[in-house]
């Protein structure tokens, strides 16, 4: 793997950085936190579409840019630096990829161009009343009724569900407590029987509880084969997780930069606190962790693009990035002293998100279990 960005990737990174600097300020992020509606900006979403970002990994034949996972990672890392609130990952990565990989030709032709244009926004309904992320713990039922399915159950922490047009739902159609009994559905957000309730979180991003009460959907809403949903979802979930790692790494780099700048300017006992060995140790440890997390993320994205078995690498990237972002947000805030915990300070925007980023898309415990499975149950893979 060449660790240098290509000319196109460097250009993409520069464009994204300048756009975020101009349009996703911390005042904007605070405004979105207080927004009781969507929690993201439709005008910004339209600008994403105009720049082609919404179709970055969508095949060109369906109107996308047909770029790589690594290209997507470069873009999303810049979004993370500005903690940009948007349904990008679940729309333009997870939904776009799982439709492209598991959808019928008709579904691809109808749905992918709408993602690229920004017309359709997706949410992802997976987590339920369990701290465990494994597919075996999904209980929401989808029962066949003639030419329809009837959905009953509850999903939690469905991000941006209020502003979504369609929800990707993982439901149980087969044997309980089994990985093999899941089916994916594309459910209209306005279907009869769906109710949505805001779930306040530490980060203040827009998460929702979504209840399905006898929600009737046609069989054409099924994505992929019945009871084979995990097989369809897992590769796309891995790609989304790597995008999320890039996002959290970007946020970590930004917070580290603020802490470093403050340490060089804050004078105590006649010298900048950055000259003190303890502060230097904090900053050095954090930047090593951030570069390690970033390299694991980039390497995993590279291997995904090579169509190799990357389950273990994705798990390592997620587990390490999650622990890194939590540590960086915490210790960087400590460098600011008591001021780092004041609501008026921009540092709290990062601090509040640190713990939530650790737990999103499966906590460290889940991904460490995956790492152990890959180490014990598989033959070593030699990558080049």
Protein backbone atom coordinates (compact mmCIF):
# COMPACT_ATOMS: atom_id res chain seq x y z
CA UNK A 1 0.00 0.00 0.00
CA UNK A 2 1.33 3.45 -0.97
CA UNK A 3 0.65 5.60 2.10
CA UNK A 4 0.77 8.81 0.07
CA UNK A 5 -2.51 10.23 -1.17
CA UNK A 6 -2.95 10.38 -4.92
CA UNK A 7 -3.25 13.74 -6.66
CA UNK A 8 -7.04 13.27 -6.92
CA UNK A 9 -7.32 12.34 -3.23
CA UNK A 10 -5.27 15.37 -2.21
CA UNK A 11 -7.52 17.59 -4.30
CA UNK A 12 -10.63 16.01 -2.77
CA UNK A 13 -9.21 16.53 0.73
CA UNK A 14 -8.40 20.19 0.02
CA UNK A 15 -11.83 20.92 -1.45
CA UNK A 16 -13.58 19.20 1.46
CA UNK A 17 -11.44 21.03 4.01
CA UNK A 18 -12.16 24.45 2.50
CA UNK A 19 -15.88 23.70 2.20
CA UNK A 20 -16.11 22.60 5.82
CA UNK A 21 -14.10 25.59 7.01
CA UNK A 22 -16.59 27.90 5.32
CA UNK A 23 -19.88 26.10 5.91
CA UNK A 24 -19.52 23.86 8.97
CA UNK A 25 -18.36 26.20 11.70
CA UNK A 26 -18.84 25.40 15.37
CA UNK A 27 -21.65 27.96 15.48
CA UNK A 28 -23.35 25.93 12.76
CA UNK A 29 -22.85 22.68 14.72
CA UNK A 30 -24.37 24.27 17.83
CA UNK A 31 -27.30 25.48 15.75
CA UNK A 32 -27.91 21.94 14.49
CA UNK A 33 -27.75 20.63 18.06
CA UNK A 34 -30.57 22.97 19.03
CA UNK A 35 -32.60 22.23 15.91
CA UNK A 36 -35.73 20.37 16.98
CA UNK A 37 -36.35 19.19 13.44
CA UNK A 38 -33.90 17.39 11.20
CA UNK A 39 -30.60 17.98 12.98
CA UNK A 40 -28.85 18.61 9.66
CA UNK A 41 -29.05 21.26 6.95
CA UNK A 42 -30.96 20.39 3.74
CA UNK A 43 -29.15 23.18 1.87
CA UNK A 44 -25.78 21.68 2.82
CA UNK A 45 -27.05 18.26 1.74
CA UNK A 46 -27.92 19.74 -1.67
CA UNK A 47 -24.40 21.14 -1.89
CA UNK A 48 -23.01 17.69 -1.13
CA UNK A 49 -25.03 16.40 -4.07
CA UNK A 50 -23.87 19.19 -6.38
CA UNK A 51 -20.24 18.35 -5.61
CA UNK A 52 -20.84 14.66 -6.29
CA UNK A 53 -20.07 13.58 -2.73
CA UNK A 54 -23.34 11.71 -2.25
CA UNK A 55 -22.43 9.34 -5.06
CA UNK A 56 -18.74 8.94 -4.34
CA UNK A 57 -18.90 5.12 -4.12
CA UNK A 58 -22.00 4.64 -6.32
CA UNK A 59 -21.14 2.96 -9.64
CA UNK A 60 -20.93 5.32 -12.60
CA UNK A 61 -23.66 3.45 -14.48
CA UNK A 62 -26.12 4.65 -11.84
CA UNK A 63 -24.96 8.26 -11.86
CA UNK A 64 -22.27 8.02 -9.19
CA UNK A 65 -18.57 8.77 -9.28
CA UNK A 66 -17.49 5.13 -8.90
CA UNK A 67 -14.64 6.04 -6.57
CA UNK A 68 -12.98 3.87 -3.94
CA UNK A 69 -13.52 3.25 -0.25
CA UNK A 70 -10.19 4.97 0.34
CA UNK A 71 -11.45 8.06 -1.48
CA UNK A 72 -14.56 8.04 0.71
CA UNK A 73 -12.38 7.80 3.82
CA UNK A 74 -10.39 10.88 2.77
CA UNK A 75 -13.62 12.86 2.38
CA UNK A 76 -15.28 11.69 5.59
CA UNK A 77 -12.18 12.41 7.66
CA UNK A 78 -12.55 16.08 6.75
CA UNK A 79 -16.21 15.96 7.80
CA UNK A 80 -15.08 14.53 11.13
CA UNK A 81 -12.61 17.35 11.69
CA UNK A 82 -15.59 19.68 11.74
CA UNK A 83 -17.96 17.16 13.43
CA UNK A 84 -20.32 17.81 10.54
CA UNK A 85 -23.87 16.64 11.36
CA UNK A 86 -25.35 14.84 8.37
CA UNK A 87 -26.84 11.45 7.39
CA UNK A 88 -23.95 10.92 4.99
CA UNK A 89 -22.62 7.59 6.23
CA UNK A 90 -25.98 5.81 6.39
CA UNK A 91 -27.18 7.22 3.08
CA UNK A 92 -24.18 7.49 0.78
CA UNK A 93 -22.17 4.61 2.22
CA UNK A 94 -24.33 1.98 3.92
CA UNK A 95 -27.56 2.32 1.92
CA UNK A 96 -25.80 3.03 -1.36
CA UNK A 97 -23.44 0.08 -0.97
CA UNK A 98 -25.97 -2.49 0.22
CA UNK A 99 -28.37 -1.53 -2.58
CA UNK A 100 -25.55 -1.74 -5.12
CA UNK A 101 -24.45 -5.16 -3.82
CA UNK A 102 -27.71 -6.84 -2.82
CA UNK A 103 -30.44 -4.98 -4.71
CA UNK A 104 -32.18 -6.17 -7.84
CA UNK A 105 -31.41 -4.47 -11.12
CA UNK A 106 -34.70 -2.59 -10.82
CA UNK A 107 -33.92 -1.45 -7.27
CA UNK A 108 -30.47 -0.24 -8.27
CA UNK A 109 -31.77 1.69 -11.27
CA UNK A 110 -34.56 3.31 -9.26
CA UNK A 111 -32.85 4.01 -5.93
CA UNK A 112 -29.17 4.74 -6.52
CA UNK A 113 -29.69 7.81 -8.74
CA UNK A 114 -31.96 9.26 -6.04
CA UNK A 115 -29.15 8.91 -3.50
CA UNK A 116 -26.70 10.60 -5.86
CA UNK A 117 -29.06 13.53 -6.50
CA UNK A 118 -29.82 14.00 -2.81
CA UNK A 119 -33.51 13.28 -3.34
CA UNK A 120 -33.65 10.34 -0.92
CA UNK A 121 -32.12 10.22 2.56
CA UNK A 122 -31.71 6.93 4.44
CA UNK A 123 -31.57 5.98 8.10
CA UNK A 124 -30.32 2.65 9.47
CA UNK A 125 -32.46 0.78 12.01
CA UNK A 126 -30.43 -2.00 13.62
CA UNK A 127 -29.83 -1.59 17.38
CA UNK A 128 -32.55 -2.80 19.78
CA UNK A 129 -33.04 -3.23 23.53
CA UNK A 130 -29.65 -4.83 24.00
CA UNK A 131 -26.16 -3.49 24.49
CA UNK A 132 -24.93 -6.24 22.20
CA UNK A 133 -24.35 -5.52 18.52
CA UNK A 134 -24.37 -9.09 17.24
CA UNK A 135 -27.11 -9.93 14.71
CA UNK A 136 -28.30 -12.75 16.96
CA UNK A 137 -29.80 -10.13 19.28
CA UNK A 138 -32.17 -8.63 16.69
CA UNK A 139 -35.76 -9.44 17.58
CA UNK A 140 -37.92 -7.13 15.43
CA UNK A 141 -40.26 -9.48 13.59
CA UNK A 142 -41.16 -9.47 9.90
CA UNK A 143 -43.91 -11.99 9.16
CA UNK A 144 -45.08 -12.88 5.68
CA UNK A 145 -48.72 -12.08 4.93
CA UNK A 146 -49.55 -12.87 1.33
CA UNK A 147 -47.71 -10.39 -0.87
CA UNK A 148 -46.66 -8.29 2.12
CA UNK A 149 -44.57 -8.41 5.27
CA UNK A 150 -45.83 -7.17 8.64
CA UNK A 151 -43.19 -5.55 10.88
CA UNK A 152 -43.47 -5.38 14.67
CA UNK A 153 -40.82 -4.25 17.12
CA UNK A 154 -38.62 -1.36 18.18
CA UNK A 155 -35.30 0.05 17.01
CA UNK A 156 -33.13 2.39 19.05
CA UNK A 157 -30.53 5.06 18.25
CA UNK A 158 -31.70 5.44 14.66
CA UNK A 159 -29.75 8.49 13.62
CA UNK A 160 -31.54 11.21 11.62
CA UNK A 161 -34.70 9.10 11.37
CA UNK A 162 -36.90 12.21 11.49
CA UNK A 163 -35.32 13.57 8.33
CA UNK A 164 -35.06 10.27 6.46
CA UNK A 165 -37.25 9.26 3.55
CA UNK A 166 -36.44 5.56 3.80
CA UNK A 167 -35.22 3.38 6.66
CA UNK A 168 -33.00 0.35 6.11
CA UNK A 169 -34.42 -2.13 8.61
CA UNK A 170 -32.83 -5.38 9.77
CA UNK A 171 -35.67 -7.70 10.82
CA UNK A 172 -36.04 -11.32 11.84
CA UNK A 173 -37.76 -13.63 9.40
CA UNK A 174 -36.10 -16.88 10.45
CA UNK A 175 -34.90 -18.74 13.49
CA UNK A 176 -34.51 -16.65 16.67
CA UNK A 177 -31.07 -15.97 18.17
CA UNK A 178 -29.45 -16.78 14.86
CA UNK A 179 -27.25 -14.84 12.49
CA UNK A 180 -28.90 -16.50 9.49
CA UNK A 181 -32.50 -15.48 10.15
CA UNK A 182 -32.32 -11.79 9.23
CA UNK A 183 -33.81 -9.99 6.25
CA UNK A 184 -33.24 -6.41 5.11
CA UNK A 185 -36.13 -4.14 4.15
CA UNK A 186 -36.36 -0.64 2.71
CA UNK A 187 -39.24 0.91 4.62
CA UNK A 188 -40.92 4.20 3.77
CA UNK A 189 -40.45 6.49 6.76
CA UNK A 190 -44.10 7.62 6.47
CA UNK A 191 -45.60 4.12 6.45
CA UNK A 192 -48.67 3.62 8.63
CA UNK A 193 -47.74 2.18 12.02
CA UNK A 194 -44.32 3.84 12.32
CA UNK A 195 -43.82 6.19 15.27
CA UNK A 196 -40.64 8.11 16.02
CA UNK A 197 -39.48 9.51 19.34
CA UNK A 198 -36.38 11.63 19.91
CA UNK A 199 -33.73 10.08 22.17
CA UNK A 200 -31.59 12.77 23.85
CA UNK A 201 -27.92 11.77 23.92
CA UNK A 202 -24.70 13.16 25.32
CA UNK A 203 -23.52 14.27 21.88
CA UNK A 204 -26.87 15.98 21.11
CA UNK A 205 -26.93 14.53 17.61
CA UNK A 206 -30.37 13.48 16.42
CA UNK A 207 -31.05 9.89 17.49
CA UNK A 208 -34.50 8.33 17.62
CA UNK A 209 -36.51 5.40 18.89
CA UNK A 210 -38.51 3.98 16.00
CA UNK A 211 -41.50 1.77 16.80
CA UNK A 212 -43.02 -0.52 14.18
CA UNK A 213 -46.63 -1.46 14.99
CA UNK A 214 -48.11 -3.76 12.33
CA UNK A 215 -46.26 -1.91 9.59
CA UNK A 216 -47.27 -3.43 6.28
CA UNK A 217 -44.75 -3.33 3.44
CA UNK A 218 -44.74 -5.04 0.04
CA UNK A 219 -42.39 -7.90 -0.76
CA UNK A 220 -40.72 -5.56 -3.28
CA UNK A 221 -39.34 -3.64 -0.29
CA UNK A 222 -37.17 -6.61 0.63
CA UNK A 223 -33.47 -6.08 -0.10
CA UNK A 224 -31.59 -9.24 -0.96
CA UNK A 225 -32.66 -12.78 -0.13
CA UNK A 226 -35.00 -13.65 2.70
CA UNK A 227 -33.22 -14.71 5.91
CA UNK A 228 -29.87 -13.88 4.28
CA UNK A 229 -29.80 -10.28 5.40
CA UNK A 230 -26.63 -10.46 7.49
CA UNK A 231 -24.66 -11.84 4.57
CA UNK A 232 -25.82 -8.84 2.51
CA UNK A 233 -25.40 -6.29 5.28
CA UNK A 234 -22.05 -7.20 6.83
CA UNK A 235 -19.76 -6.10 3.95
CA UNK A 236 -21.60 -2.78 3.62
CA UNK A 237 -21.57 -2.36 7.38
CA UNK A 238 -17.81 -2.86 7.38
CA UNK A 239 -17.42 -0.15 4.75
CA UNK A 240 -19.62 2.16 6.84
CA UNK A 241 -17.65 1.37 9.99
CA UNK A 242 -14.41 2.29 8.24
CA UNK A 243 -16.00 5.56 7.16
CA UNK A 244 -17.03 6.18 10.76
CA UNK A 245 -13.47 5.45 11.94
CA UNK A 246 -12.23 8.10 9.51
CA UNK A 247 -14.80 10.52 10.89
CA UNK A 248 -13.77 9.94 14.51
CA UNK A 249 -10.08 10.10 13.60
CA UNK A 250 -10.66 13.47 11.96
CA UNK A 251 -12.42 14.72 15.08
CA UNK A 252 -9.53 13.44 17.20
CA UNK A 253 -6.90 15.18 15.07
CA UNK A 254 -8.81 18.44 15.33
CA UNK A 255 -9.16 18.23 19.10
CA UNK A 256 -5.47 17.37 19.45
CA UNK A 257 -4.63 20.43 17.37
CA UNK A 258 -6.63 22.68 19.68
CA UNK A 259 -4.94 21.19 22.75
CA UNK A 260 -1.49 21.62 21.21
CA UNK A 261 -2.18 25.25 20.30
CA UNK A 262 -3.47 25.99 23.80
CA UNK A 263 -0.46 24.31 25.42
CA UNK A 264 1.89 26.55 23.42
CA UNK A 265 0.00 29.73 24.38
CA UNK A 266 -1.08 29.17 27.99
CA UNK A 267 1.61 30.51 30.32
CA UNK A 268 1.84 29.23 33.87
CA UNK A 269 4.77 29.53 36.30
CA UNK A 270 6.54 31.79 33.81
CA UNK A 271 6.49 29.44 30.81
CA UNK A 272 4.04 27.83 28.35
CA UNK A 273 2.50 24.70 29.83
CA UNK A 274 3.56 22.88 26.66
CA UNK A 275 7.11 22.96 28.00
CA UNK A 276 6.08 20.81 30.95
CA UNK A 277 6.97 17.15 30.62
CA UNK A 278 3.54 15.86 31.65
CA UNK A 279 1.74 17.91 28.99
CA UNK A 280 4.30 16.90 26.39
CA UNK A 281 3.73 13.26 27.32
CA UNK A 282 -0.03 13.65 26.93
CA UNK A 283 0.30 15.26 23.50
CA UNK A 284 2.88 12.74 22.28
CA UNK A 285 0.85 9.73 23.39
CA UNK A 286 -2.32 11.04 21.77
CA UNK A 287 -0.73 11.82 18.41
CA UNK A 288 0.82 8.33 18.27
CA UNK A 289 -2.59 6.80 18.93
CA UNK A 290 -4.24 9.02 16.31
CA UNK A 291 -1.72 8.14 13.61
CA UNK A 292 -2.06 4.47 14.49
CA UNK A 293 -5.86 4.62 14.24
CA UNK A 294 -5.65 6.57 11.00
CA UNK A 295 -3.24 4.10 9.41
CA UNK A 296 -5.37 1.12 10.46
CA UNK A 297 -8.38 2.85 8.92
CA UNK A 298 -6.64 3.69 5.66
CA UNK A 299 -5.13 0.22 5.40
CA UNK A 300 -8.51 -1.43 5.98
CA UNK A 301 -10.10 0.77 3.31
CA UNK A 302 -7.31 -0.17 0.90
CA UNK A 303 -7.90 -3.87 1.54
CA UNK A 304 -11.68 -3.48 1.08
CA UNK A 305 -10.98 -1.96 -2.33
CA UNK A 306 -8.83 -5.01 -3.12
CA UNK A 307 -11.85 -7.24 -2.31
CA UNK A 308 -9.87 -9.15 0.31
CA UNK A 309 -11.09 -10.68 3.55
CA UNK A 310 -10.99 -7.67 5.86
CA UNK A 311 -13.30 -8.53 8.77
CA UNK A 312 -10.40 -8.67 11.21
CA UNK A 313 -8.82 -5.46 9.94
CA UNK A 314 -12.09 -3.56 10.14
CA UNK A 315 -12.56 -4.81 13.71
CA UNK A 316 -9.05 -3.68 14.69
CA UNK A 317 -9.58 -0.28 13.13
CA UNK A 318 -12.92 0.23 14.87
CA UNK A 319 -11.77 -0.99 18.29
CA UNK A 320 -8.60 1.08 18.21
CA UNK A 321 -10.23 4.22 16.75
CA UNK A 322 -13.01 4.04 19.33
CA UNK A 323 -10.63 3.86 22.27
CA UNK A 324 -8.40 6.52 20.73
CA UNK A 325 -11.16 9.09 20.19
CA UNK A 326 -12.44 8.64 23.73
CA UNK A 327 -8.95 9.06 25.18
CA UNK A 328 -8.06 12.05 23.00
CA UNK A 329 -11.27 13.94 23.79
CA UNK A 330 -10.83 13.31 27.51
CA UNK A 331 -7.14 14.13 27.90
CA UNK A 332 -7.25 17.12 25.52
CA UNK A 333 -10.02 18.61 27.64
CA UNK A 334 -7.86 18.12 30.74
CA UNK A 335 -5.05 20.12 29.14
CA UNK A 336 -7.45 23.07 28.98
CA UNK A 337 -8.09 22.69 32.72
CA UNK A 338 -11.51 23.54 34.08
CA UNK A 339 -12.16 25.75 31.05
CA UNK A 340 -12.15 22.64 28.85
CA UNK A 341 -15.40 21.50 30.46
CA UNK A 342 -17.32 24.76 30.12
CA UNK A 343 -20.31 24.63 27.79
CA UNK A 344 -19.25 27.84 26.06
CA UNK A 345 -15.95 26.32 24.94
CA UNK A 346 -15.74 24.60 21.56
CA UNK A 347 -13.80 21.77 23.22
CA UNK A 348 -17.03 20.51 24.78
CA UNK A 349 -18.44 19.83 21.30
CA UNK A 350 -15.72 17.19 20.94
CA UNK A 351 -15.71 16.02 24.55
CA UNK A 352 -19.44 15.22 24.53
CA UNK A 353 -19.05 13.15 21.39
CA UNK A 354 -16.01 11.18 22.50
CA UNK A 355 -17.83 8.58 24.57
CA UNK A 356 -20.70 8.23 22.14
CA UNK A 357 -18.31 7.66 19.26
CA UNK A 358 -16.79 4.80 21.27
CA UNK A 359 -20.14 3.02 21.44
CA UNK A 360 -21.61 3.79 18.01
CA UNK A 361 -21.80 0.95 15.45
CA UNK A 362 -20.81 -1.60 18.04
CA UNK A 363 -18.74 -0.95 21.15
CA UNK A 364 -15.16 -2.06 21.68
CA UNK A 365 -16.30 -5.31 23.33
CA UNK A 366 -18.09 -6.44 20.17
CA UNK A 367 -15.20 -5.65 17.85
CA UNK A 368 -12.63 -7.24 20.15
CA UNK A 369 -14.72 -10.43 20.01
CA UNK A 370 -14.53 -10.24 16.22
CA UNK A 371 -10.75 -9.80 16.39
CA UNK A 372 -10.47 -12.86 18.63
CA UNK A 373 -12.62 -14.92 16.25
CA UNK A 374 -10.45 -13.92 13.30
CA UNK A 375 -7.24 -14.74 15.16
CA UNK A 376 -8.40 -18.12 16.47
CA UNK A 377 -10.75 -19.40 13.77
CA UNK A 378 -9.01 -18.36 10.55
CA UNK A 379 -5.73 -19.18 8.91
CA UNK A 380 -3.33 -16.20 8.80
CA UNK A 381 -3.81 -14.05 5.70
CA UNK A 382 -0.73 -12.67 3.98
CA UNK A 383 -1.53 -9.26 2.48
CA UNK A 384 0.56 -7.36 -0.04
